[in-house]
Amino acid sequence: MDLQLTDEQRLISESAREFCDKEIAPRVRDNDRAGRFDRDLASKLGEIGYLGATVSEEYGGRGLDYIGYGLIVEQVGRVDSSARTVVSVQTSLVAGSIERWGTEEQKSQWLPRLCSGEALGCFGLTEPDSGSDAASLRTRAKRTGDGWTITGNKMWISMGNVAEVALIFAQTDPEKKHKGLACFLVPTSSSGYASQEIHGKLGLRSSDTAEISLDEVTVGDDAMLGEIGDGFKVAMSALDNGRYSVAAGCVGICDGCVEASVTYAKERKQFGVPIASFQLVQELIAEMVVKRDAARMLVWRAGGLKDRKEPNTTETSIAKFYATEAAVECANAAIQVHGGAGYVDDYPVERYLRDARVTTLYEGTSQIQKLIIGRAATGINAMVPPSPQA
């Protein structure tokens, strides 16, 4: 097993680090305080090629492998998880799904503009009453003469207010459950499409989050991504890649916590010496380092499997579960190292904690990841409650 990065991968990481420190870091605190989605920054992410890193160059992407993509996401996550959300949603959920499942016309229409940042997209799966149970969607798609009419509501949709295209998952036949799900490419300018910003979030304050309403939105047959029944496959394949991206971003949070804590501990003095010389402060930092490195190795393992096109659902869930929980723990420890100074936004660690918390919830909660891992270990699916007769 080779755990060394290639020269190209090291260059990707170093370039991403330089870009993030120069272009993202100066904006972070002001954007976070204002709760402002930075459209200009999203455009810059597209210009440098971070919004379609894994998409084929034929469609405007960079054609990077997943290890390289993960390195980019790690660096963006180290500086700003709200910006990392833009990269993750645009690349892993939207563009990646269109490239894998779309027709040539759909790819040509959307991918170049998504990869460049000219257009943004969102992933409309979650509903007010449907989160982990993706097969129970209440959004309905009804067949019309030459297309479909979609009615329903979506909740907690990243970039739903700023997107030009939405991947909307809808049920075509409730009796078929997941086999009746379909995914549609819906222009957000469509009549009947409306979005509303969700305010008051604990973290990711400069990331756009929306509640979406679809009131008899009409689309043609050419709007469907794949076929009827493919919607569940589209969603699960996208989440596999989205979970990888979230995990990589959380490695970045862990790394940011280590860097901030080491710097502060060497500068801050108590009893006439830097607090870095105190054993219990070093213990906090050491535990952060171990969690960061373990999370990074798990992300690299999942990325390597993806690059070799081998099954990786379980390994991706392991990476997502461990890295997200590690990010919360590292951020909490980093605040402890900073003391009272860590409780205000003069330092990044309080934002790390707020931003990390949601990563254990979206794209599959930590509990869902445990059930995926447990299913792989036992061969028993505990996600579906047993029937009364069982």
Protein backbone atom coordinates (compact mmCIF):
# COMPACT_ATOMS: atom_id res chain seq x y z
CA MET A 1 0.00 0.00 0.00
CA ASP A 2 1.47 3.31 -1.13
CA LEU A 3 0.49 6.18 1.15
CA GLN A 4 2.62 8.71 -0.71
CA LEU A 5 1.03 11.42 -2.82
CA THR A 6 2.23 11.83 -6.38
CA ASP A 7 4.04 15.00 -7.40
CA GLU A 8 0.86 16.14 -9.17
CA GLN A 9 -1.26 15.52 -6.08
CA ARG A 10 1.16 17.42 -3.85
CA LEU A 11 1.05 20.32 -6.29
CA ILE A 12 -2.76 20.22 -6.26
CA SER A 13 -2.78 20.41 -2.46
CA GLU A 14 -0.19 23.18 -2.28
CA SER A 15 -1.95 25.23 -4.95
CA ALA A 16 -5.30 24.79 -3.21
CA ARG A 17 -3.77 25.86 0.09
CA GLU A 18 -2.31 28.99 -1.47
CA PHE A 19 -5.61 29.85 -3.18
CA CYS A 20 -7.62 29.36 0.01
CA ASP A 21 -5.29 31.46 2.12
CA LYS A 22 -5.26 34.25 -0.45
CA GLU A 23 -8.82 34.31 -1.79
CA ILE A 24 -11.04 32.74 0.88
CA ALA A 25 -9.46 33.45 4.28
CA PRO A 26 -9.74 37.27 4.11
CA ARG A 27 -13.52 37.02 3.52
CA VAL A 28 -14.48 34.36 6.02
CA ARG A 29 -15.21 36.28 9.20
CA ASP A 30 -17.13 39.10 7.53
CA ASN A 31 -19.22 36.70 5.46
CA ASP A 32 -19.93 34.57 8.52
CA ARG A 33 -20.94 37.56 10.63
CA ALA A 34 -23.20 38.90 7.90
CA GLY A 35 -24.65 35.50 7.01
CA ARG A 36 -23.85 36.44 3.42
CA PHE A 37 -23.53 34.02 0.51
CA ASP A 38 -20.48 35.14 -1.45
CA ARG A 39 -21.40 34.74 -5.13
CA ASP A 40 -18.14 36.34 -6.20
CA LEU A 41 -16.18 33.71 -4.30
CA ALA A 42 -18.27 30.96 -5.89
CA SER A 43 -17.28 32.36 -9.28
CA LYS A 44 -13.60 32.34 -8.28
CA LEU A 45 -13.92 28.70 -7.21
CA GLY A 46 -15.25 27.96 -10.68
CA GLU A 47 -12.55 29.95 -12.46
CA ILE A 48 -9.78 27.99 -10.76
CA GLY A 49 -11.50 24.69 -11.58
CA TYR A 50 -12.72 23.62 -8.15
CA LEU A 51 -16.42 23.30 -9.07
CA GLY A 52 -15.95 20.46 -11.49
CA ALA A 53 -12.68 18.89 -10.42
CA THR A 54 -13.75 15.31 -11.15
CA VAL A 55 -15.77 16.10 -14.28
CA SER A 56 -14.23 15.18 -17.63
CA GLU A 57 -12.30 17.93 -19.41
CA GLU A 58 -14.63 17.32 -22.35
CA TYR A 59 -17.40 19.02 -20.38
CA GLY A 60 -15.33 21.76 -18.80
CA GLY A 61 -14.03 19.94 -15.72
CA ARG A 62 -10.46 19.14 -14.72
CA GLY A 63 -10.70 15.37 -14.91
CA LEU A 64 -8.96 14.89 -11.55
CA ASP A 65 -8.94 11.65 -9.61
CA TYR A 66 -10.78 11.47 -6.29
CA ILE A 67 -7.63 11.72 -4.22
CA GLY A 68 -6.80 15.02 -5.95
CA TYR A 69 -10.37 16.22 -5.51
CA GLY A 70 -10.28 15.29 -1.82
CA LEU A 71 -7.08 17.30 -1.35
CA ILE A 72 -8.77 20.38 -2.80
CA VAL A 73 -11.82 19.94 -0.59
CA GLU A 74 -9.60 19.45 2.47
CA GLN A 75 -7.87 22.76 1.90
CA VAL A 76 -11.12 24.62 1.27
CA GLY A 77 -12.62 23.05 4.40
CA ARG A 78 -9.57 24.08 6.43
CA VAL A 79 -10.39 27.72 5.74
CA ASP A 80 -14.18 27.88 5.26
CA SER A 81 -16.78 25.12 5.40
CA SER A 82 -19.36 27.36 3.72
CA ALA A 83 -17.13 27.61 0.65
CA ARG A 84 -16.49 23.88 0.91
CA THR A 85 -20.25 23.35 0.74
CA VAL A 86 -20.34 25.12 -2.63
CA VAL A 87 -17.58 22.83 -3.94
CA SER A 88 -19.20 19.68 -2.56
CA VAL A 89 -22.73 20.35 -3.77
CA GLN A 90 -21.71 21.64 -7.18
CA THR A 91 -19.18 18.87 -7.90
CA SER A 92 -20.25 15.74 -6.02
CA LEU A 93 -24.02 16.06 -6.02
CA VAL A 94 -24.98 18.08 -9.08
CA ALA A 95 -22.30 17.97 -11.80
CA GLY A 96 -21.21 14.45 -10.89
CA SER A 97 -24.78 13.16 -11.13
CA ILE A 98 -25.37 14.82 -14.49
CA GLU A 99 -22.13 13.43 -15.90
CA ARG A 100 -22.92 9.89 -14.71
CA TRP A 101 -26.64 9.72 -15.45
CA GLY A 102 -27.34 12.46 -17.98
CA THR A 103 -27.87 12.30 -21.73
CA GLU A 104 -25.36 13.92 -24.03
CA GLU A 105 -27.72 16.87 -24.45
CA GLN A 106 -28.08 17.30 -20.67
CA LYS A 107 -24.33 17.15 -20.17
CA SER A 108 -23.64 19.66 -22.91
CA GLN A 109 -26.33 22.00 -21.66
CA TRP A 110 -25.32 22.14 -18.00
CA LEU A 111 -21.84 20.81 -17.24
CA PRO A 112 -19.65 23.53 -18.83
CA ARG A 113 -21.59 26.28 -17.03
CA LEU A 114 -21.62 24.41 -13.72
CA CYS A 115 -17.90 23.66 -13.85
CA SER A 116 -17.01 27.26 -14.67
CA GLY A 117 -19.20 28.67 -11.90
CA GLU A 118 -21.31 30.60 -14.38
CA ALA A 119 -24.29 28.61 -13.12
CA LEU A 120 -24.89 27.02 -9.74
CA GLY A 121 -26.95 23.93 -8.96
CA CYS A 122 -28.69 22.37 -5.99
CA PHE A 123 -29.70 18.85 -4.95
CA GLY A 124 -33.37 18.61 -4.01
CA LEU A 125 -33.74 15.34 -2.12
CA THR A 126 -34.56 16.12 1.53
CA GLU A 127 -38.13 17.08 2.46
CA PRO A 128 -39.78 18.38 5.64
CA ASP A 129 -40.97 14.84 6.45
CA SER A 130 -38.31 12.82 4.64
CA GLY A 131 -34.63 12.81 5.53
CA SER A 132 -32.95 9.47 6.11
CA ASP A 133 -35.89 7.60 4.54
CA ALA A 134 -35.28 8.73 0.96
CA ALA A 135 -37.81 6.28 -0.48
CA SER A 136 -40.75 7.99 1.28
CA LEU A 137 -40.70 11.26 -0.67
CA ARG A 138 -44.00 13.13 -0.85
CA THR A 139 -43.05 15.20 -3.88
CA ARG A 140 -45.05 13.84 -6.81
CA ALA A 141 -44.35 13.80 -10.51
CA LYS A 142 -47.44 13.21 -12.67
CA ARG A 143 -47.30 12.27 -16.32
CA THR A 144 -48.69 14.83 -18.76
CA GLY A 145 -49.04 14.65 -22.51
CA ASP A 146 -45.44 15.53 -23.32
CA GLY A 147 -43.73 15.63 -19.96
CA TRP A 148 -44.24 15.83 -16.21
CA THR A 149 -45.86 18.05 -13.60
CA ILE A 150 -44.01 18.18 -10.26
CA THR A 151 -45.57 19.25 -6.96
CA GLY A 152 -44.02 19.14 -3.49
CA ASN A 153 -41.65 20.72 -1.00
CA LYS A 154 -37.94 20.37 -0.29
CA MET A 155 -36.10 21.36 2.87
CA TRP A 156 -32.51 22.13 3.92
CA ILE A 157 -31.35 22.49 0.31
CA SER A 158 -27.89 24.01 0.02
CA MET A 159 -27.74 26.72 -2.68
CA GLY A 160 -31.45 26.41 -3.36
CA ASN A 161 -31.91 30.19 -3.51
CA VAL A 162 -28.96 30.87 -5.83
CA ALA A 163 -29.09 27.83 -8.12
CA GLU A 164 -30.01 28.00 -11.77
CA VAL A 165 -30.82 24.31 -11.97
CA ALA A 166 -32.21 21.97 -9.30
CA LEU A 167 -32.01 18.20 -9.26
CA ILE A 168 -35.49 17.41 -7.96
CA PHE A 169 -36.33 13.91 -6.77
CA ALA A 170 -39.99 12.97 -7.03
CA GLN A 171 -42.18 9.90 -6.72
CA THR A 172 -43.96 8.84 -9.90
CA ASP A 173 -45.79 5.90 -8.33
CA PRO A 174 -46.01 5.69 -4.50
CA GLU A 175 -46.90 1.99 -4.62
CA LYS A 176 -43.52 1.21 -6.20
CA LYS A 177 -41.66 2.99 -3.37
CA HIS A 178 -37.99 3.49 -4.30
CA LYS A 179 -38.57 1.86 -7.71
CA GLY A 180 -40.91 4.71 -8.59
CA LEU A 181 -38.47 7.51 -7.82
CA ALA A 182 -37.27 9.75 -10.61
CA CYS A 183 -34.84 12.66 -10.77
CA PHE A 184 -35.53 15.75 -12.87
CA LEU A 185 -33.36 18.65 -13.98
CA VAL A 186 -35.56 21.63 -13.15
CA PRO A 187 -34.56 25.18 -14.13
CA THR A 188 -35.23 27.35 -11.10
CA SER A 189 -36.77 29.97 -13.38
CA SER A 190 -39.65 27.56 -14.07
CA SER A 191 -43.15 28.74 -13.30
CA GLY A 192 -44.23 27.32 -9.93
CA TYR A 193 -40.70 27.02 -8.53
CA ALA A 194 -40.14 29.15 -5.42
CA SER A 195 -37.48 29.20 -2.73
CA GLN A 196 -37.13 30.80 0.67
CA GLU A 197 -33.95 31.33 2.65
CA ILE A 198 -33.60 29.49 5.96
CA HIS A 199 -32.28 31.79 8.69
CA GLY A 200 -30.94 31.24 12.18
CA LYS A 201 -28.48 28.44 11.45
CA LEU A 202 -25.92 27.44 14.07
CA GLY A 203 -23.17 27.20 11.50
CA LEU A 204 -22.46 27.46 7.77
CA ARG A 205 -23.87 30.97 8.06
CA SER A 206 -22.46 32.14 4.73
CA SER A 207 -23.77 29.08 2.93
CA ASP A 208 -27.13 29.49 1.23
CA THR A 209 -29.78 27.12 2.58
CA ALA A 210 -33.31 27.00 1.20
CA GLU A 211 -36.79 25.64 1.54
CA ILE A 212 -38.12 24.93 -1.94
CA SER A 213 -41.74 24.83 -3.08
CA LEU A 214 -42.81 23.23 -6.35
CA ASP A 215 -46.35 24.04 -7.42
CA GLU A 216 -47.21 22.13 -10.59
CA VAL A 217 -43.83 22.79 -12.16
CA THR A 218 -43.91 21.51 -15.73
CA VAL A 219 -40.90 19.91 -17.39
CA GLY A 220 -40.47 17.87 -20.56
CA ASP A 221 -39.46 14.24 -20.88
CA ASP A 222 -35.94 15.41 -21.65
CA ALA A 223 -35.65 16.79 -18.09
CA MET A 224 -35.52 13.35 -16.48
CA LEU A 225 -32.08 12.22 -15.35
CA GLY A 226 -31.94 8.54 -16.23
CA GLU A 227 -35.23 6.68 -16.26
CA ILE A 228 -38.19 6.10 -13.94
CA GLY A 229 -36.85 4.10 -11.00
CA ASP A 230 -33.32 5.44 -11.42
CA GLY A 231 -33.98 8.28 -8.97
CA PHE A 232 -32.98 6.21 -5.98
CA LYS A 233 -29.79 5.08 -7.71
CA VAL A 234 -28.98 8.67 -8.68
CA ALA A 235 -29.46 9.79 -5.09
CA MET A 236 -27.40 7.00 -3.53
CA SER A 237 -24.51 7.31 -5.99
CA ALA A 238 -24.47 11.08 -5.44
CA LEU A 239 -24.48 10.66 -1.67
CA ASP A 240 -21.54 8.25 -1.88
CA ASN A 241 -19.55 11.01 -3.53
CA GLY A 242 -21.02 13.75 -1.36
CA ARG A 243 -20.10 11.87 1.81
CA TYR A 244 -16.54 11.55 0.55
CA SER A 245 -16.41 15.29 -0.03
CA VAL A 246 -17.84 16.09 3.41
CA ALA A 247 -15.30 13.75 5.01
CA ALA A 248 -12.42 15.41 3.17
CA GLY A 249 -13.67 18.84 4.24
CA CYS A 250 -13.75 17.66 7.84
CA VAL A 251 -10.12 16.57 7.60
CA GLY A 252 -9.53 20.21 6.74
CA ILE A 253 -11.40 21.33 9.86
CA CYS A 254 -9.26 19.00 11.97
CA ASP A 255 -6.12 20.34 10.33
CA GLY A 256 -7.23 23.93 10.90
CA CYS A 257 -7.83 23.14 14.56
CA VAL A 258 -4.33 21.70 14.93
CA GLU A 259 -2.71 24.67 13.20
CA ALA A 260 -4.65 27.27 15.18
CA SER A 261 -4.05 25.49 18.48
CA VAL A 262 -0.31 25.01 17.96
CA THR A 263 0.14 28.65 16.97
CA TYR A 264 -1.89 29.95 19.89
CA ALA A 265 -0.31 27.59 22.44
CA LYS A 266 3.19 28.70 21.47
CA GLU A 267 2.29 32.41 21.67
CA ARG A 268 0.05 32.46 24.73
CA LYS A 269 1.95 32.59 28.03
CA GLN A 270 0.82 31.73 31.54
CA PHE A 271 2.99 31.50 34.63
CA GLY A 272 5.78 32.96 32.54
CA VAL A 273 5.91 30.18 29.92
CA PRO A 274 4.03 29.32 26.69
CA ILE A 275 1.02 27.14 27.44
CA ALA A 276 2.39 24.71 24.83
CA SER A 277 4.80 23.59 27.54
CA PHE A 278 1.91 22.34 29.70
CA GLN A 279 1.38 18.60 29.47
CA LEU A 280 -2.41 18.74 29.37
CA VAL A 281 -2.34 21.29 26.53
CA GLN A 282 -0.05 18.99 24.58
CA GLU A 283 -2.46 16.14 25.29
CA LEU A 284 -5.29 18.10 23.68
CA ILE A 285 -3.16 18.88 20.64
CA ALA A 286 -1.85 15.30 20.35
CA GLU A 287 -5.38 13.90 20.29
CA MET A 288 -6.30 16.37 17.53
CA VAL A 289 -3.29 15.31 15.47
CA VAL A 290 -4.17 11.61 15.79
CA LYS A 291 -7.80 12.20 14.82
CA ARG A 292 -6.79 14.37 11.85
CA ASP A 293 -4.32 11.79 10.55
CA ALA A 294 -6.72 8.87 11.05
CA ALA A 295 -9.51 10.76 9.26
CA ARG A 296 -7.17 11.63 6.39
CA MET A 297 -6.11 8.01 5.92
CA LEU A 298 -9.73 6.87 5.85
CA VAL A 299 -10.54 9.52 3.24
CA TRP A 300 -7.57 8.48 1.12
CA ARG A 301 -8.64 4.84 1.34
CA ALA A 302 -12.13 5.69 0.12
CA GLY A 303 -10.71 7.92 -2.61
CA GLY A 304 -8.35 5.20 -3.78
CA LEU A 305 -11.24 2.75 -4.09
CA LYS A 306 -13.23 5.31 -6.07
CA ASP A 307 -10.30 5.90 -8.39
CA ARG A 308 -9.98 2.17 -9.00
CA LYS A 309 -13.76 1.99 -9.53
CA GLU A 310 -14.09 -0.60 -6.79
CA PRO A 311 -17.06 -0.86 -4.38
CA ASN A 312 -16.61 1.81 -1.72
CA THR A 313 -19.96 2.54 -0.06
CA THR A 314 -18.91 1.07 3.29
CA GLU A 315 -15.46 2.64 3.24
CA THR A 316 -16.94 6.01 2.32
CA SER A 317 -19.41 5.75 5.20
CA ILE A 318 -16.55 4.87 7.56
CA ALA A 319 -14.63 7.93 6.40
CA LYS A 320 -17.68 10.17 6.66
CA PHE A 321 -18.63 8.92 10.11
CA TYR A 322 -15.16 9.14 11.59
CA ALA A 323 -14.06 12.42 9.98
CA THR A 324 -17.23 14.33 10.86
CA GLU A 325 -17.23 13.21 14.48
CA ALA A 326 -13.49 13.91 14.66
CA ALA A 327 -14.04 17.43 13.33
CA VAL A 328 -16.54 18.18 16.12
CA GLU A 329 -14.18 16.74 18.74
CA CYS A 330 -11.13 18.59 17.39
CA ALA A 331 -12.99 21.89 17.26
CA ASN A 332 -14.20 21.46 20.81
CA ALA A 333 -10.65 20.66 21.97
CA ALA A 334 -9.26 23.62 20.03
CA ILE A 335 -11.61 25.98 21.87
CA GLN A 336 -10.36 24.48 25.14
CA VAL A 337 -6.77 25.22 24.13
CA HIS A 338 -7.70 28.81 23.30
CA GLY A 339 -9.65 29.28 26.51
CA GLY A 340 -11.90 32.34 26.57
CA ALA A 341 -10.28 33.61 23.36
CA GLY A 342 -11.67 30.58 21.55
CA TYR A 343 -15.22 31.55 22.40
CA VAL A 344 -15.22 34.62 20.15
CA ASP A 345 -14.61 34.93 16.43
CA ASP A 346 -11.23 36.65 16.69
CA TYR A 347 -9.97 33.10 16.20
CA PRO A 348 -11.44 30.54 13.77
CA VAL A 349 -12.00 27.71 16.24
CA GLU A 350 -15.48 28.76 17.40
CA ARG A 351 -16.59 28.78 13.76
CA TYR A 352 -14.98 25.39 13.22
CA LEU A 353 -17.19 23.96 15.96
CA ARG A 354 -20.37 25.58 14.63
CA ASP A 355 -19.63 24.50 11.06
CA ALA A 356 -18.54 20.98 11.97
CA ARG A 357 -21.70 20.15 13.87
CA VAL A 358 -23.95 19.88 10.83
CA THR A 359 -21.59 17.49 9.05
CA THR A 360 -22.73 14.72 11.40
CA LEU A 361 -26.30 15.33 10.20
CA TYR A 362 -26.46 15.95 6.47
CA GLU A 363 -25.79 13.52 3.62
CA GLY A 364 -26.57 10.73 6.07
CA THR A 365 -26.42 11.19 9.84
CA SER A 366 -23.72 9.48 11.88
CA GLN A 367 -26.39 6.97 12.89
CA ILE A 368 -27.16 6.16 9.25
CA GLN A 369 -23.43 5.67 8.60
CA LYS A 370 -23.28 3.24 11.52
CA LEU A 371 -26.18 1.28 10.05
CA ILE A 372 -24.45 1.11 6.67
CA ILE A 373 -21.27 -0.11 8.35
CA GLY A 374 -23.22 -2.55 10.51
CA ARG A 375 -25.06 -3.92 7.48
CA ALA A 376 -21.76 -4.58 5.74
CA ALA A 377 -20.39 -6.34 8.84
CA THR A 378 -23.42 -8.52 9.63
CA GLY A 379 -25.27 -8.87 6.34
CA ILE A 380 -28.44 -7.70 8.10
CA ASN A 381 -30.19 -4.48 7.08
CA ALA A 382 -31.20 -2.74 10.31
CA MET A 383 -32.38 0.40 8.49
CA VAL A 384 -35.73 -1.19 7.66
CA PRO A 385 -37.77 -1.98 10.79
CA PRO A 386 -38.86 -5.62 10.95
CA SER A 387 -42.45 -6.35 9.98
CA PRO A 388 -44.91 -7.13 12.81
CA GLN A 389 -44.96 -10.78 11.72
CA ALA A 390 -41.17 -11.13 11.98
